[in-house]
Protein backbone atom coordinates (compact mmCIF):
# COMPACT_ATOMS: atom_id res chain seq x y z
CA MET A 1 -38.93 27.08 -94.94
CA SER A 2 -36.60 29.23 -92.41
CA ASN A 3 -33.42 31.29 -93.83
CA ALA A 4 -30.92 28.52 -92.07
CA ALA A 5 -33.06 26.08 -93.95
CA HIS A 6 -32.64 28.03 -97.54
CA ALA A 7 -28.99 28.25 -96.89
CA LEU A 8 -28.42 24.68 -96.72
CA PHE A 9 -31.22 23.56 -99.03
CA ALA A 10 -31.60 25.02 -102.64
CA ASN A 11 -34.34 23.45 -103.02
CA ARG A 12 -37.19 23.47 -99.92
CA TRP A 13 -38.19 20.05 -100.82
CA LEU A 14 -34.82 18.32 -100.85
CA PRO A 15 -35.09 18.07 -96.79
CA VAL A 16 -38.79 16.16 -97.17
CA LEU A 17 -37.31 14.06 -100.01
CA LEU A 18 -34.57 13.17 -97.49
CA VAL A 19 -36.63 12.46 -94.93
CA ALA A 20 -39.13 10.40 -96.75
CA PRO A 21 -37.05 6.99 -97.03
CA LEU A 22 -36.60 7.10 -93.12
CA ALA A 23 -40.30 8.21 -92.60
CA LEU A 24 -41.62 5.65 -94.89
CA LEU A 25 -39.98 2.57 -93.26
CA VAL A 26 -41.64 4.15 -89.56
CA ILE A 27 -44.81 4.15 -90.66
CA VAL A 28 -44.58 0.81 -92.75
CA PHE A 29 -42.86 -1.08 -89.98
CA PHE A 30 -44.32 0.98 -86.60
CA TYR A 31 -47.32 2.81 -86.65
CA VAL A 32 -48.94 0.15 -89.16
CA PRO A 33 -48.23 -2.91 -87.11
CA ILE A 34 -49.62 -0.78 -84.14
CA PHE A 35 -52.44 0.09 -85.89
CA GLU A 36 -53.04 -3.51 -86.94
CA ALA A 37 -52.27 -4.66 -83.49
CA PHE A 38 -55.11 -2.64 -82.15
CA TYR A 39 -57.49 -3.14 -84.78
CA TRP A 40 -57.14 -7.09 -84.46
CA SER A 41 -57.61 -7.31 -80.48
CA PHE A 42 -61.30 -6.47 -81.12
CA PHE A 43 -61.71 -9.03 -83.32
CA LEU A 44 -61.44 -12.97 -83.62
CA GLU A 45 -59.09 -13.56 -86.56
CA ARG A 46 -58.75 -16.48 -88.53
CA PRO A 47 -55.47 -17.90 -88.63
CA PHE A 48 -54.73 -18.02 -92.39
CA GLY A 49 -57.23 -15.61 -93.23
CA GLY A 50 -61.17 -15.85 -94.19
CA GLY A 51 -62.75 -13.36 -92.40
CA SER A 52 -63.13 -11.78 -88.71
CA ILE A 53 -65.65 -11.38 -85.92
CA PHE A 54 -66.09 -8.62 -83.85
CA VAL A 55 -65.79 -9.68 -80.26
CA GLY A 56 -65.30 -6.16 -78.72
CA TRP A 57 -63.46 -6.45 -75.51
CA GLY A 58 -63.30 -10.44 -75.48
CA ASN A 59 -60.28 -10.67 -76.38
CA PHE A 60 -59.10 -8.57 -73.38
CA ALA A 61 -61.06 -10.32 -71.09
CA ARG A 62 -59.25 -13.45 -72.08
CA VAL A 63 -55.91 -12.47 -72.10
CA LEU A 64 -56.38 -10.97 -68.55
CA ALA A 65 -58.07 -14.37 -67.03
CA ASP A 66 -54.76 -15.81 -68.00
CA PRO A 67 -52.97 -16.88 -65.89
CA GLN A 68 -49.71 -17.34 -68.17
CA PHE A 69 -50.02 -13.36 -69.16
CA TRP A 70 -49.29 -12.63 -65.49
CA GLU A 71 -46.64 -14.55 -64.77
CA ALA A 72 -45.11 -13.63 -68.47
CA THR A 73 -45.74 -10.15 -67.63
CA ARG A 74 -43.86 -10.57 -63.93
CA LYS A 75 -41.17 -12.08 -65.46
CA THR A 76 -41.17 -9.39 -67.94
CA LEU A 77 -41.13 -6.57 -65.25
CA THR A 78 -38.28 -8.69 -62.98
CA PHE A 79 -36.51 -8.58 -65.78
CA THR A 80 -36.76 -4.63 -67.00
CA VAL A 81 -35.89 -4.18 -63.17
CA VAL A 82 -32.94 -5.94 -62.49
CA GLY A 83 -31.30 -6.15 -66.53
CA SER A 84 -31.72 -2.22 -66.84
CA SER A 85 -30.19 -1.34 -63.48
CA LEU A 86 -27.19 -3.67 -63.81
CA ALA A 87 -27.30 -2.40 -67.49
CA VAL A 88 -27.10 0.94 -66.97
CA LEU A 89 -24.42 0.77 -63.22
CA VAL A 90 -22.06 -1.75 -65.20
CA PRO A 91 -21.28 1.05 -67.84
CA LEU A 92 -21.13 3.39 -65.23
CA ILE A 93 -18.65 2.12 -63.00
CA LEU A 94 -16.67 1.32 -66.21
CA ALA A 95 -16.99 4.97 -67.70
CA VAL A 96 -16.13 6.71 -64.00
CA ALA A 97 -13.01 4.10 -64.30
CA ALA A 98 -12.36 5.24 -67.77
CA ASP A 99 -12.72 9.30 -66.93
CA ARG A 100 -10.31 8.67 -64.16
CA GLN A 101 -7.89 6.86 -66.63
CA VAL A 102 -7.13 4.07 -65.04
CA HIS A 103 -4.41 1.50 -66.28
CA LEU A 104 -5.25 0.36 -69.68
CA SER A 105 -8.21 2.62 -70.04
CA HIS A 106 -7.52 3.86 -73.33
CA PRO A 107 -7.67 0.80 -75.39
CA ALA A 108 -10.64 -0.26 -73.29
CA ARG A 109 -12.42 2.80 -74.77
CA ASN A 110 -12.57 1.06 -77.87
CA VAL A 111 -12.68 -2.65 -76.76
CA LEU A 112 -16.11 -1.77 -75.02
CA VAL A 113 -17.81 -0.16 -78.17
CA TRP A 114 -17.32 -3.42 -80.25
CA PRO A 115 -20.58 -5.32 -78.79
CA LYS A 116 -22.78 -2.59 -80.31
CA GLY A 117 -21.98 -3.81 -83.90
CA ILE A 118 -23.23 -7.52 -82.89
CA ALA A 119 -26.36 -8.53 -83.54
CA GLY A 120 -28.64 -9.65 -80.54
CA ALA A 121 -29.61 -12.90 -81.92
CA SER A 122 -25.40 -13.76 -82.61
CA ILE A 123 -25.18 -12.41 -78.93
CA GLY A 124 -27.53 -15.08 -77.67
CA VAL A 125 -25.48 -17.79 -79.73
CA VAL A 126 -22.47 -17.11 -78.10
CA PHE A 127 -23.51 -16.62 -74.13
CA ALA A 128 -25.21 -20.06 -75.03
CA TYR A 129 -22.01 -21.67 -75.80
CA ILE A 130 -19.95 -19.82 -73.31
CA PHE A 131 -22.31 -20.83 -70.53
CA ASN A 132 -22.70 -23.96 -71.79
CA PRO A 133 -22.95 -26.34 -68.52
CA PHE A 134 -20.54 -29.07 -70.22
CA VAL A 135 -17.88 -27.10 -71.77
CA GLY A 136 -18.51 -23.78 -70.80
CA ILE A 137 -16.48 -21.10 -68.50
CA LEU A 138 -18.86 -23.08 -65.28
CA ALA A 139 -18.90 -26.17 -66.59
CA PRO A 140 -15.89 -26.51 -63.79
CA LEU A 141 -18.50 -25.78 -60.77
CA ASN A 142 -20.57 -29.28 -61.95
CA GLN A 143 -17.65 -31.15 -61.69
CA VAL A 144 -16.82 -29.51 -58.04
CA SER A 145 -20.74 -30.19 -57.26
CA PRO A 146 -23.33 -31.56 -59.92
CA GLY A 147 -26.17 -29.65 -61.22
CA ILE A 148 -24.94 -26.47 -59.60
CA TRP A 149 -24.86 -24.46 -62.58
CA ALA A 150 -27.78 -26.18 -65.00
CA PRO A 151 -29.68 -23.67 -67.58
CA GLY A 152 -31.43 -25.76 -69.16
CA ILE A 153 -33.22 -27.31 -66.11
CA ASP A 154 -33.01 -24.86 -63.44
CA GLY A 155 -34.82 -21.62 -64.69
CA PHE A 156 -33.21 -19.33 -62.31
CA ASP A 157 -29.53 -20.09 -64.15
CA ALA A 158 -31.46 -19.59 -67.50
CA PHE A 159 -32.74 -16.20 -66.18
CA ALA A 160 -29.52 -14.99 -65.35
CA MET A 161 -27.99 -16.05 -68.38
CA VAL A 162 -30.44 -14.01 -70.30
CA ILE A 163 -29.86 -11.02 -67.78
CA LEU A 164 -25.90 -11.59 -68.20
CA ALA A 165 -26.33 -11.59 -71.82
CA TYR A 166 -28.19 -8.77 -72.32
CA VAL A 167 -26.16 -6.49 -70.15
CA TRP A 168 -23.36 -7.10 -72.12
CA GLY A 169 -25.07 -6.29 -75.31
CA GLY A 170 -26.32 -3.10 -73.49
CA ILE A 171 -22.43 -1.70 -72.34
CA PRO A 172 -21.51 0.42 -75.61
CA PHE A 173 -24.06 2.80 -76.02
CA ASN A 174 -24.72 3.62 -72.35
CA PHE A 175 -20.79 3.30 -71.85
CA VAL A 176 -20.21 6.19 -74.39
CA ILE A 177 -23.25 8.24 -73.49
CA LEU A 178 -22.37 8.49 -69.60
CA LEU A 179 -18.25 8.68 -70.49
CA ALA A 180 -19.25 11.86 -72.51
CA GLY A 181 -21.22 13.10 -70.00
CA LEU A 182 -18.44 12.72 -67.65
CA GLN A 183 -15.94 14.36 -69.49
CA SER A 184 -17.86 17.41 -69.96
CA VAL A 185 -17.46 18.08 -66.16
CA PRO A 186 -15.14 21.03 -65.78
CA HIS A 187 -11.99 19.72 -64.23
CA THR A 188 -11.92 22.81 -62.41
CA LEU A 189 -14.70 21.70 -60.14
CA HIS A 190 -12.70 18.55 -59.37
CA GLN A 191 -9.74 21.06 -58.18
CA ALA A 192 -11.79 23.07 -56.15
CA ALA A 193 -13.60 20.34 -54.37
CA ALA A 194 -9.86 18.33 -54.01
CA MET A 195 -8.79 21.67 -52.44
CA ASP A 196 -11.79 21.30 -50.02
CA GLY A 197 -10.56 18.34 -48.83
CA ALA A 198 -13.39 15.93 -50.89
CA GLY A 199 -12.24 12.20 -51.49
CA PRO A 200 -12.49 10.42 -54.89
CA TRP A 201 -15.79 9.01 -53.82
CA ARG A 202 -17.25 11.91 -52.51
CA ARG A 203 -16.69 13.80 -55.78
CA ILE A 204 -18.00 10.93 -57.89
CA PHE A 205 -21.47 11.50 -55.81
CA GLU A 206 -21.75 15.01 -55.16
CA ILE A 207 -20.22 16.56 -58.40
CA GLN A 208 -19.71 14.06 -61.08
CA LEU A 209 -22.88 12.38 -60.86
CA PRO A 210 -25.65 14.84 -60.09
CA LEU A 211 -23.73 17.28 -63.03
CA ILE A 212 -24.11 14.29 -65.52
CA ALA A 213 -27.89 13.51 -64.21
CA PRO A 214 -29.56 14.48 -67.60
CA GLN A 215 -27.23 11.71 -68.95
CA LEU A 216 -28.35 9.40 -66.86
CA MET A 217 -31.79 9.52 -66.99
CA LEU A 218 -31.16 9.34 -70.68
CA VAL A 219 -29.64 5.64 -70.53
CA VAL A 220 -32.38 5.00 -68.11
CA VAL A 221 -35.21 5.41 -69.67
CA LEU A 222 -33.79 4.36 -72.99
CA GLU A 223 -32.85 0.78 -70.94
CA PHE A 224 -36.43 0.05 -69.06
CA THR A 225 -38.12 0.71 -72.81
CA GLU A 226 -35.81 -1.31 -74.56
CA SER A 227 -35.82 -3.89 -72.15
CA ILE A 228 -39.21 -4.55 -72.34
CA THR A 229 -38.45 -5.83 -76.25
CA ALA A 230 -35.18 -6.11 -76.66
CA ALA A 231 -34.53 -9.98 -74.83
CA PHE A 232 -36.49 -11.52 -77.31
CA ALA A 233 -33.61 -12.06 -79.68
CA LEU A 234 -31.59 -13.57 -76.65
CA ILE A 235 -34.57 -15.18 -75.43
CA ASP A 236 -35.02 -17.27 -79.06
CA THR A 237 -31.36 -18.18 -79.27
CA ILE A 238 -30.72 -19.00 -76.09
CA THR A 239 -33.63 -21.11 -74.03
CA ARG A 240 -36.75 -20.03 -76.29
CA GLY A 241 -38.66 -19.32 -73.47
CA GLY A 242 -37.64 -22.18 -71.06
CA PRO A 243 -36.97 -23.85 -69.10
CA GLY A 244 -40.54 -24.61 -67.86
CA GLY A 245 -41.23 -21.11 -68.97
CA ALA A 246 -38.76 -19.71 -66.68
CA THR A 247 -37.54 -17.12 -69.27
CA THR A 248 -40.85 -16.63 -70.93
CA LEU A 249 -41.06 -12.98 -71.21
CA LEU A 250 -44.25 -11.25 -72.43
CA VAL A 251 -42.61 -10.27 -75.61
CA TYR A 252 -41.66 -13.75 -76.51
CA LYS A 253 -45.26 -14.84 -75.14
CA ILE A 254 -46.57 -12.67 -77.71
CA TYR A 255 -44.71 -14.33 -80.35
CA THR A 256 -45.26 -17.96 -79.60
CA ASP A 257 -48.93 -16.99 -79.27
CA GLY A 258 -49.39 -15.90 -82.70
CA PHE A 259 -46.53 -17.32 -84.92
CA VAL A 260 -46.38 -20.60 -83.26
CA GLY A 261 -50.18 -20.93 -81.39
CA TYR A 262 -52.14 -18.59 -84.26
CA ASP A 263 -53.70 -17.06 -81.76
CA LEU A 264 -53.36 -13.85 -83.58
CA SER A 265 -56.12 -11.87 -81.89
CA GLY A 266 -54.33 -13.15 -78.70
CA ALA A 267 -50.93 -11.70 -79.49
CA ALA A 268 -52.50 -8.63 -80.86
CA THR A 269 -54.23 -8.14 -77.16
CA GLN A 270 -51.12 -8.66 -75.87
CA THR A 271 -48.90 -6.13 -78.04
CA ALA A 272 -51.71 -3.62 -77.18
CA LEU A 273 -51.05 -4.10 -73.71
CA LEU A 274 -47.45 -4.33 -73.72
CA MET A 275 -47.51 -1.07 -75.65
CA VAL A 276 -49.77 0.35 -72.70
CA LEU A 277 -47.23 -1.01 -70.24
CA VAL A 278 -44.41 1.09 -72.10
CA ILE A 279 -46.22 4.29 -72.27
CA LEU A 280 -47.05 3.97 -68.43
CA LEU A 281 -43.58 3.00 -67.18
CA THR A 282 -41.87 5.89 -69.64
CA SER A 283 -44.42 8.42 -68.34
CA ALA A 284 -43.77 7.77 -64.66
CA GLN A 285 -39.75 7.47 -65.16
CA PHE A 286 -40.38 10.76 -66.49
CA ALA A 287 -42.88 12.37 -63.98
CA PHE A 288 -40.46 10.97 -61.14
CA LEU A 289 -37.22 11.41 -62.45
CA GLY A 290 -37.58 14.78 -64.89
CA ARG A 291 -38.36 16.66 -61.85
CA HIS A 292 -35.55 16.16 -60.28
CA ILE A 293 -33.07 16.70 -63.22
CA ASN A 294 -31.17 20.35 -63.85
CA TYR A 295 -29.94 21.04 -67.42
CA GLU A 296 -28.18 23.90 -66.21
CA ARG A 297 -24.50 23.93 -65.09
């Protein structure tokens, strides 16, 4: 135990006791389910207990031969790219506007962080009402041209509605991180660039964005990782995977296969594959983005 730790804690076991509850939660609700998922992926589990049969890689062969699995994976990647890109771009634009102190930027800072206190399921319920084709804000479009906005029967409309709800819910965290990064850029750099004749847009792209690259990388990695699983609550409350499976992402397919279809082994196998996908995407982001990040100013 270091001298700093002794200065903060009179008892050397007190830090361990303080961390123990959180560590226990992580072990019970994260690592244990991961272990169980990988274990079940090699067994044929009976829906209501009573034993299992070892099938080796049979579950993986069955899942990888399922066209619905690949379709859900394709939709997941599409949602991840589109939703995460917008969930970073929109807060970035808002953060730049707030940093420039445009009109009403100070009260907007407080308003923009409110969605962070709302659960994903609640956001889904609200957006399902806001974009209802009969009473929502887009209902007048159907009066002009019936069927132009129909998320209940049009897969593209439903997919777009889920992405909008996801982006709205992701604004607060990214906005705070990016605004903090922008405000840490020395004002003298802006003054020097302005004296050299650099306009506002040039200062954004050549000074601010390069200097907040670490914050950008943080929000990009977190968004791409979270979007793979965070959309479950939105899909379950807005579309339930419909219409016609148009919004059935892989995380929701795992739920329906495991808890509705009672295919525990198939759901566990897809969970293992989803985890591998998350690890590969995260590693790729660190490999391609990390080499371009400069943490020194």
